[in-house]
C-alpha cells in the first residue's frame, strides 16, 4: 500500500512538473510580428512630450528675436513655467504641462535664459571681451553674446535639448520594467519617442532641410533632436538606427519580446548619446577652421552650441556610456572656466583640440 502511494505521488508530481513546464514553454513562445514602416501604432500617444517640444520651439523663436528686440524677462519666465498664457499656440497654454518641471537642473538653464534677456538689452552695442552686446557672423547675421563671448540663447536651447528631452527619454527607457503590463510599457515608450521630435512617418532618407529645422512646422517636419538626426547625424547613420529601434522596440512590446525591446533601448540610448557627442565634436572644430579664424560671431556661435551639447552628455546613461566621468569633467571644466575669447585666441587651439580628441576617441567619430 505504501509502495502504491509512493508511485502515485511520483506520478502526480511528474504530471505537475510536466504541466508547469508546458505552460512556461507556451508562455515563452513569441508569435510572429512585423515592424511597421511608420510610428502609427494603435493607441500611440505622446502628446505631453510633443507639447513640450512645441513650447521649446516657441521659446527658441523668442530667444532668437534678441538680435532685434530687447527681450522681456517676464515673458521668458512665463514661457518656461507656462504661466499667464505665454504661447501663441493657445492649446499649449491650457495643456497642464510646462518646460520647468521636466528640465533637470532647471535653475541653471533658466539662468542661461535670464543671461540672454540681460544681454539683449545691449543688442545695439558691439560686444567685446568683458562687455556684452552683439557680434556679426556675416554682413546680415548677428548674435547676442555675454561678457564672456557665449551666446546664451544657444547654450540654453542645446543644453535643454539635453537636460529635458534627452534626459527624459533616457530615464523613461531605463525605467520601463520588463514585467509591467503591455499598456504601461507602450505608454512609457511613446512618451520617450515624442522627445525625439520626428513625424510619425519620418524617413532618414528624406530631405527635411527645405525649411528651417526649428521652424514651427513640427510635427509635420522634424525639430530639435529630430533635425539633428540629419544636421549632425548622417555620418553616423543616427536617423536610421534610432528610427528603426523605436519602431522595433514598440512592436516587440506588444508581443512581449523583451529581448528585442531591451536591445532597442540600448541602441537608442547609445546612438542618441553619440549624436550629441558628434554635434559637440563638429562645433569644437568650426572655430579652428582657417576660414572662421578671427570671425568671433561664427566662432562663438559654434562654441556656444558645443557648450550645450557637452552639457547634454552629463545626462547620459553612465552604466552604458563609453565616456568616463574624468573625461567629461575635463571637457566641462575647459568650456566653463575659460571665456570664448580665451579659447579661440589660444595658440594652436590647444584646449579646443583637447575636447575634440576626447570626443573623437571615446565615440570613434568620423572626420
Protein backbone atom coordinates (compact mmCIF):
# COMPACT_ATOMS: atom_id res chain seq x y z
CA UNK A 1 0.00 0.00 0.00
CA UNK A 2 2.81 2.35 0.91
CA UNK A 3 4.63 1.48 -2.32
CA UNK A 4 1.49 2.14 -4.36
CA UNK A 5 1.04 5.53 -2.63
CA UNK A 6 4.65 6.44 -3.38
CA UNK A 7 4.27 5.58 -7.05
CA UNK A 8 1.02 7.52 -7.27
CA UNK A 9 2.62 10.57 -5.62
CA UNK A 10 5.51 10.47 -8.03
CA UNK A 11 3.15 10.30 -11.00
CA UNK A 12 1.22 13.30 -9.70
CA UNK A 13 4.42 15.28 -9.19
CA UNK A 14 5.66 14.34 -12.67
CA UNK A 15 2.38 15.46 -14.15
CA UNK A 16 2.54 18.77 -12.30
CA UNK A 17 6.12 19.41 -13.43
CA UNK A 18 5.21 18.49 -16.99
CA UNK A 19 2.16 20.78 -16.90
CA UNK A 20 4.18 23.66 -15.43
CA UNK A 21 6.94 23.17 -17.98
CA UNK A 22 4.49 23.06 -20.86
CA UNK A 23 2.73 26.15 -19.54
CA UNK A 24 6.03 28.04 -19.23
CA UNK A 25 7.13 26.94 -22.71
CA UNK A 26 3.79 28.10 -24.06
CA UNK A 27 4.10 31.48 -22.37
CA UNK A 28 7.63 31.95 -23.71
CA UNK A 29 6.61 31.44 -27.33
CA UNK A 30 6.71 34.76 -29.15
CA UNK A 31 4.29 34.93 -32.07
CA UNK A 32 5.49 36.24 -35.44
CA UNK A 33 5.20 40.01 -35.75
CA UNK A 34 6.12 42.76 -38.17
CA UNK A 35 7.73 46.13 -37.58
CA UNK A 36 5.72 48.85 -39.36
CA UNK A 37 7.33 51.49 -41.55
CA UNK A 38 5.77 54.32 -39.52
CA UNK A 39 5.07 55.01 -35.84
CA UNK A 40 1.32 54.82 -36.36
CA UNK A 41 0.80 52.19 -33.66
CA UNK A 42 -2.70 51.63 -32.34
CA UNK A 43 -3.22 53.77 -29.25
CA UNK A 44 0.12 55.58 -29.55
CA UNK A 45 0.01 58.79 -27.53
CA UNK A 46 2.94 61.12 -26.93
CA UNK A 47 1.08 64.39 -26.65
CA UNK A 48 2.81 65.55 -23.46
CA UNK A 49 6.32 65.22 -24.88
CA UNK A 50 5.25 66.69 -28.22
CA UNK A 51 3.74 69.69 -26.45
CA UNK A 52 6.98 70.33 -24.59
CA UNK A 53 8.83 70.27 -27.90
CA UNK A 54 6.36 72.86 -29.24
CA UNK A 55 6.90 75.00 -26.12
CA UNK A 56 10.66 74.86 -26.59
CA UNK A 57 10.29 75.84 -30.24
CA UNK A 58 8.23 78.91 -29.34
CA UNK A 59 10.71 79.86 -26.63
CA UNK A 60 13.55 79.45 -29.12
CA UNK A 61 11.84 81.70 -31.66
CA UNK A 62 11.50 84.37 -28.98
CA UNK A 63 15.11 83.96 -27.82
CA UNK A 64 16.33 84.32 -31.41
CA UNK A 65 14.49 87.66 -31.66
CA UNK A 66 17.06 89.06 -29.20
CA UNK A 67 19.05 90.38 -32.17
CA UNK A 68 16.31 92.92 -32.88
CA UNK A 69 14.21 93.01 -29.68
CA UNK A 70 15.20 93.73 -26.11
CA UNK A 71 13.74 90.62 -24.52
CA UNK A 72 11.17 90.75 -21.73
CA UNK A 73 12.22 88.63 -18.75
CA UNK A 74 8.66 88.17 -17.57
CA UNK A 75 7.76 86.66 -20.94
CA UNK A 76 10.60 84.12 -20.90
CA UNK A 77 9.75 83.23 -17.30
CA UNK A 78 6.12 82.68 -18.27
CA UNK A 79 7.15 80.53 -21.22
CA UNK A 80 9.46 78.45 -19.03
CA UNK A 81 6.74 77.90 -16.41
CA UNK A 82 3.66 78.07 -18.67
CA UNK A 83 2.03 80.86 -16.70
CA UNK A 84 -0.12 83.76 -17.89
CA UNK A 85 -0.87 82.26 -21.31
CA UNK A 86 2.52 82.98 -22.92
CA UNK A 87 2.28 80.80 -26.04
CA UNK A 88 0.89 81.76 -29.43
CA UNK A 89 -0.37 78.19 -29.69
CA UNK A 90 -3.28 78.51 -27.27
CA UNK A 91 -3.52 74.74 -26.79
CA UNK A 92 -0.13 74.82 -25.06
CA UNK A 93 -1.34 77.35 -22.51
CA UNK A 94 -4.11 75.00 -21.34
CA UNK A 95 -2.11 71.77 -21.69
CA UNK A 96 -1.33 71.49 -17.97
CA UNK A 97 2.38 70.91 -18.61
CA UNK A 98 5.47 73.11 -18.66
CA UNK A 99 9.15 73.06 -19.52
CA UNK A 100 10.34 73.73 -15.99
CA UNK A 101 9.02 70.60 -14.30
CA UNK A 102 10.80 68.16 -16.64
CA UNK A 103 14.06 70.10 -17.04
CA UNK A 104 16.83 68.62 -14.90
CA UNK A 105 18.92 71.39 -13.28
CA UNK A 106 16.10 73.75 -14.21
CA UNK A 107 17.53 76.74 -12.32
CA UNK A 108 20.77 76.54 -14.26
CA UNK A 109 19.04 76.59 -17.63
CA UNK A 110 16.64 79.31 -16.57
CA UNK A 111 19.80 81.20 -15.58
CA UNK A 112 21.11 80.92 -19.16
CA UNK A 113 17.83 82.33 -20.45
CA UNK A 114 17.99 85.17 -17.94
CA UNK A 115 21.53 86.00 -19.11
CA UNK A 116 20.28 86.22 -22.69
CA UNK A 117 17.50 88.56 -21.60
CA UNK A 118 20.06 90.77 -19.85
CA UNK A 119 22.47 90.68 -22.78
CA UNK A 120 19.72 91.57 -25.26
CA UNK A 121 19.32 94.96 -23.60
CA UNK A 122 22.56 95.88 -25.41
CA UNK A 123 21.63 94.34 -28.76
CA UNK A 124 22.69 97.60 -30.43
CA UNK A 125 26.13 97.71 -28.77
CA UNK A 126 29.14 95.95 -30.26
CA UNK A 127 30.38 93.29 -27.84
CA UNK A 128 33.98 92.95 -26.68
CA UNK A 129 35.77 90.89 -24.06
CA UNK A 130 34.19 91.80 -20.74
CA UNK A 131 31.25 93.59 -22.38
CA UNK A 132 28.05 92.01 -23.67
CA UNK A 133 26.27 93.03 -26.85
CA UNK A 134 26.18 91.87 -30.46
CA UNK A 135 28.70 90.30 -32.82
CA UNK A 136 28.34 89.90 -36.58
CA UNK A 137 28.53 86.42 -38.11
CA UNK A 138 28.16 87.84 -41.59
CA UNK A 139 27.09 91.09 -43.21
CA UNK A 140 23.45 90.27 -42.46
CA UNK A 141 23.58 87.94 -39.45
CA UNK A 142 24.43 88.74 -35.85
CA UNK A 143 24.33 87.08 -32.46
CA UNK A 144 23.90 88.34 -28.90
CA UNK A 145 26.69 87.34 -26.52
CA UNK A 146 27.59 87.78 -22.89
CA UNK A 147 30.70 89.40 -21.47
CA UNK A 148 32.41 86.01 -21.83
CA UNK A 149 31.50 85.72 -25.51
CA UNK A 150 28.97 82.91 -25.12
CA UNK A 151 25.67 83.12 -26.97
CA UNK A 152 23.34 82.13 -24.16
CA UNK A 153 20.34 81.56 -26.39
CA UNK A 154 22.24 78.69 -27.99
CA UNK A 155 23.62 77.43 -24.67
CA UNK A 156 20.06 77.32 -23.30
CA UNK A 157 18.50 75.68 -26.36
CA UNK A 158 21.11 72.98 -26.92
CA UNK A 159 21.52 72.44 -23.17
CA UNK A 160 17.77 71.95 -22.65
CA UNK A 161 17.68 69.56 -25.58
CA UNK A 162 19.91 67.56 -23.26
CA UNK A 163 18.57 68.27 -19.79
CA UNK A 164 14.93 67.95 -20.82
CA UNK A 165 14.32 65.89 -23.98
CA UNK A 166 17.40 63.65 -23.97
CA UNK A 167 17.39 63.14 -20.19
CA UNK A 168 13.69 62.35 -20.07
CA UNK A 169 13.95 59.84 -22.90
CA UNK A 170 16.98 58.15 -21.33
CA UNK A 171 15.28 57.90 -17.92
CA UNK A 172 11.96 56.68 -19.29
CA UNK A 173 13.56 53.92 -21.35
CA UNK A 174 15.78 52.85 -18.46
CA UNK A 175 12.85 52.66 -16.05
CA UNK A 176 10.37 50.58 -18.06
CA UNK A 177 10.16 47.24 -16.15
CA UNK A 178 10.00 44.06 -18.22
CA UNK A 179 7.15 42.74 -16.07
CA UNK A 180 4.96 45.83 -16.48
CA UNK A 181 1.74 45.50 -18.42
CA UNK A 182 1.95 45.88 -22.16
CA UNK A 183 -0.17 49.03 -21.96
CA UNK A 184 2.16 50.65 -19.40
CA UNK A 185 5.26 49.76 -21.39
CA UNK A 186 3.72 51.21 -24.54
CA UNK A 187 2.76 54.39 -22.70
CA UNK A 188 6.31 54.96 -21.49
CA UNK A 189 7.81 54.04 -24.85
CA UNK A 190 5.56 56.52 -26.68
CA UNK A 191 6.49 59.33 -24.32
CA UNK A 192 10.19 58.71 -24.93
CA UNK A 193 9.59 58.64 -28.70
CA UNK A 194 7.85 62.02 -28.55
CA UNK A 195 11.02 63.68 -27.25
CA UNK A 196 12.86 62.67 -30.43
CA UNK A 197 10.64 65.19 -32.25
CA UNK A 198 10.13 63.47 -35.60
CA UNK A 199 6.93 62.88 -37.60
CA UNK A 200 5.16 59.53 -37.29
CA UNK A 201 6.11 58.88 -40.93
CA UNK A 202 9.71 60.05 -40.56
CA UNK A 203 12.26 58.80 -43.06
CA UNK A 204 16.04 59.12 -42.55
CA UNK A 205 16.38 59.30 -46.35
CA UNK A 206 14.03 62.25 -46.80
CA UNK A 207 15.39 65.79 -47.15
CA UNK A 208 13.71 67.90 -44.48
CA UNK A 209 16.14 70.80 -44.76
CA UNK A 210 13.98 72.72 -47.25
CA UNK A 211 12.54 74.58 -44.26
CA UNK A 212 14.40 75.73 -41.13
CA UNK A 213 14.82 72.70 -38.91
CA UNK A 214 13.42 74.56 -35.89
CA UNK A 215 10.56 76.28 -37.69
CA UNK A 216 7.11 75.93 -36.17
CA UNK A 217 6.13 73.22 -38.66
CA UNK A 218 6.57 70.42 -36.15
CA UNK A 219 5.28 67.69 -36.02
CA UNK A 220 4.95 67.63 -39.83
CA UNK A 221 8.72 68.10 -40.03
CA UNK A 222 11.46 67.11 -37.57
CA UNK A 223 12.63 69.64 -34.99
CA UNK A 224 15.34 69.90 -32.34
CA UNK A 225 16.81 66.38 -31.97
CA UNK A 226 14.82 65.28 -35.00
CA UNK A 227 16.55 67.97 -37.03
CA UNK A 228 19.95 66.98 -35.69
CA UNK A 229 19.49 63.42 -36.93
CA UNK A 230 20.24 64.93 -40.33
CA UNK A 231 22.23 68.03 -39.45
CA UNK A 232 24.88 66.24 -37.34
CA UNK A 233 23.86 62.60 -37.53
CA UNK A 234 24.13 61.47 -41.14
CA UNK A 235 27.78 60.44 -40.93
CA UNK A 236 26.96 58.09 -38.04
CA UNK A 237 23.60 56.94 -39.52
CA UNK A 238 21.88 58.18 -36.36
CA UNK A 239 18.49 58.68 -38.02
CA UNK A 240 18.31 55.17 -39.44
CA UNK A 241 19.40 53.48 -36.21
CA UNK A 242 17.18 55.43 -33.81
CA UNK A 243 14.14 55.39 -36.08
CA UNK A 244 14.37 51.62 -36.58
CA UNK A 245 14.98 50.96 -32.88
CA UNK A 246 11.96 53.00 -31.75
CA UNK A 247 9.65 51.14 -34.18
CA UNK A 248 11.16 47.74 -33.48
CA UNK A 249 11.00 48.17 -29.70
CA UNK A 250 7.39 49.35 -29.78
CA UNK A 251 6.36 46.38 -31.93
CA UNK A 252 8.26 43.98 -29.65
CA UNK A 253 6.44 45.21 -26.55
CA UNK A 254 3.07 44.15 -27.96
CA UNK A 255 4.17 40.50 -28.21
CA UNK A 256 6.31 40.56 -25.05
CA UNK A 257 9.57 40.14 -26.94
CA UNK A 258 11.62 41.57 -24.09
CA UNK A 259 14.98 40.64 -25.62
CA UNK A 260 14.32 42.71 -28.75
CA UNK A 261 12.80 45.52 -26.68
CA UNK A 262 15.86 45.73 -24.44
CA UNK A 263 18.24 45.73 -27.41
CA UNK A 264 16.23 48.57 -28.92
CA UNK A 265 16.57 50.52 -25.66
CA UNK A 266 20.34 50.11 -25.73
CA UNK A 267 20.54 51.08 -29.41
CA UNK A 268 18.50 54.26 -28.81
CA UNK A 269 20.45 55.31 -25.75
CA UNK A 270 23.87 54.71 -27.27
CA UNK A 271 23.30 56.31 -30.68
CA UNK A 272 21.44 59.29 -29.21
CA UNK A 273 24.38 59.92 -26.89
CA UNK A 274 26.76 59.52 -29.82
CA UNK A 275 24.69 62.05 -31.78
CA UNK A 276 25.18 64.61 -29.00
CA UNK A 277 28.91 63.87 -28.96
CA UNK A 278 29.14 64.13 -32.75
CA UNK A 279 27.43 67.52 -32.68
CA UNK A 280 29.75 68.77 -29.94
CA UNK A 281 32.74 67.49 -31.92
CA UNK A 282 31.65 69.34 -35.06
CA UNK A 283 31.13 72.58 -33.16
CA UNK A 284 34.53 72.24 -31.47
CA UNK A 285 36.17 72.09 -34.89
CA UNK A 286 34.35 75.00 -36.57
CA UNK A 287 36.19 77.74 -34.58
CA UNK A 288 39.51 76.18 -35.61
CA UNK A 289 38.84 76.25 -39.35
CA UNK A 290 41.01 78.80 -41.14
CA UNK A 291 38.04 80.42 -42.88
CA UNK A 292 36.50 81.21 -39.48
CA UNK A 293 39.55 82.36 -37.55
CA UNK A 294 39.04 85.95 -36.45
CA UNK A 295 35.28 85.89 -37.09
CA UNK A 296 34.17 85.95 -33.47
CA UNK A 297 30.50 85.76 -34.43
CA UNK A 298 30.96 82.42 -36.19
CA UNK A 299 33.45 81.06 -33.69
CA UNK A 300 31.43 81.97 -30.59
CA UNK A 301 28.17 80.71 -32.11
CA UNK A 302 29.77 77.30 -32.65
CA UNK A 303 31.37 77.27 -29.19
CA UNK A 304 28.01 78.06 -27.62
CA UNK A 305 26.37 75.15 -29.39
CA UNK A 306 29.24 72.90 -28.32
CA UNK A 307 28.72 74.11 -24.74
CA UNK A 308 25.11 72.91 -24.84
CA UNK A 309 25.88 69.54 -26.38
CA UNK A 310 28.73 68.87 -23.96
CA UNK A 311 26.32 69.66 -21.15
CA UNK A 312 23.92 67.13 -22.71
CA UNK A 313 26.49 64.39 -22.10
CA UNK A 314 26.12 65.00 -18.38
CA UNK A 315 22.72 63.27 -18.66
CA UNK A 316 23.98 60.14 -20.42
CA UNK A 317 23.20 56.65 -19.11
CA UNK A 318 26.51 56.17 -17.33
CA UNK A 319 26.17 52.41 -16.94
CA UNK A 320 26.23 52.06 -20.72
CA UNK A 321 28.30 55.08 -21.72
CA UNK A 322 31.82 54.95 -23.12
CA UNK A 323 32.55 58.41 -21.68
CA UNK A 324 34.28 58.37 -18.29
CA UNK A 325 33.44 60.89 -15.59
CA UNK A 326 37.06 62.08 -15.68
CA UNK A 327 36.91 62.89 -19.39
CA UNK A 328 33.51 64.54 -19.06
CA UNK A 329 34.77 66.72 -16.22
CA UNK A 330 37.83 67.70 -18.25
CA UNK A 331 35.64 68.92 -21.12
CA UNK A 332 33.19 70.66 -18.82
CA UNK A 333 35.94 72.46 -16.91
CA UNK A 334 37.53 73.71 -20.13
CA UNK A 335 34.29 75.06 -21.54
CA UNK A 336 33.13 76.69 -18.29
CA UNK A 337 36.33 78.08 -16.77
CA UNK A 338 37.52 79.79 -19.95
CA UNK A 339 35.70 82.52 -21.80
CA UNK A 340 35.18 82.22 -25.54
CA UNK A 341 37.77 84.92 -26.30
CA UNK A 342 40.43 82.90 -24.48
CA UNK A 343 39.53 79.62 -26.16
CA UNK A 344 39.65 80.94 -29.73
CA UNK A 345 42.67 83.12 -29.01
CA UNK A 346 44.86 80.32 -27.72
CA UNK A 347 47.80 79.47 -29.99
CA UNK A 348 47.10 76.17 -31.71
CA UNK A 349 43.64 75.93 -30.11
CA UNK A 350 45.12 73.54 -27.54
CA UNK A 351 42.07 73.35 -25.28
CA UNK A 352 39.58 73.01 -28.13
CA UNK A 353 41.69 70.24 -29.62
CA UNK A 354 41.78 68.51 -26.24
CA UNK A 355 37.99 68.40 -26.11
CA UNK A 356 37.74 67.31 -29.74
CA UNK A 357 40.22 64.49 -29.14
CA UNK A 358 38.27 63.18 -26.14
CA UNK A 359 35.06 63.14 -28.16
CA UNK A 360 36.56 61.60 -31.28
CA UNK A 361 38.49 58.91 -29.40
CA UNK A 362 35.73 57.99 -26.95
CA UNK A 363 32.98 57.67 -29.53
CA UNK A 364 35.08 56.61 -32.56
CA UNK A 365 33.71 59.57 -34.51
CA UNK A 366 34.37 60.01 -38.22
CA UNK A 367 36.18 63.10 -39.51
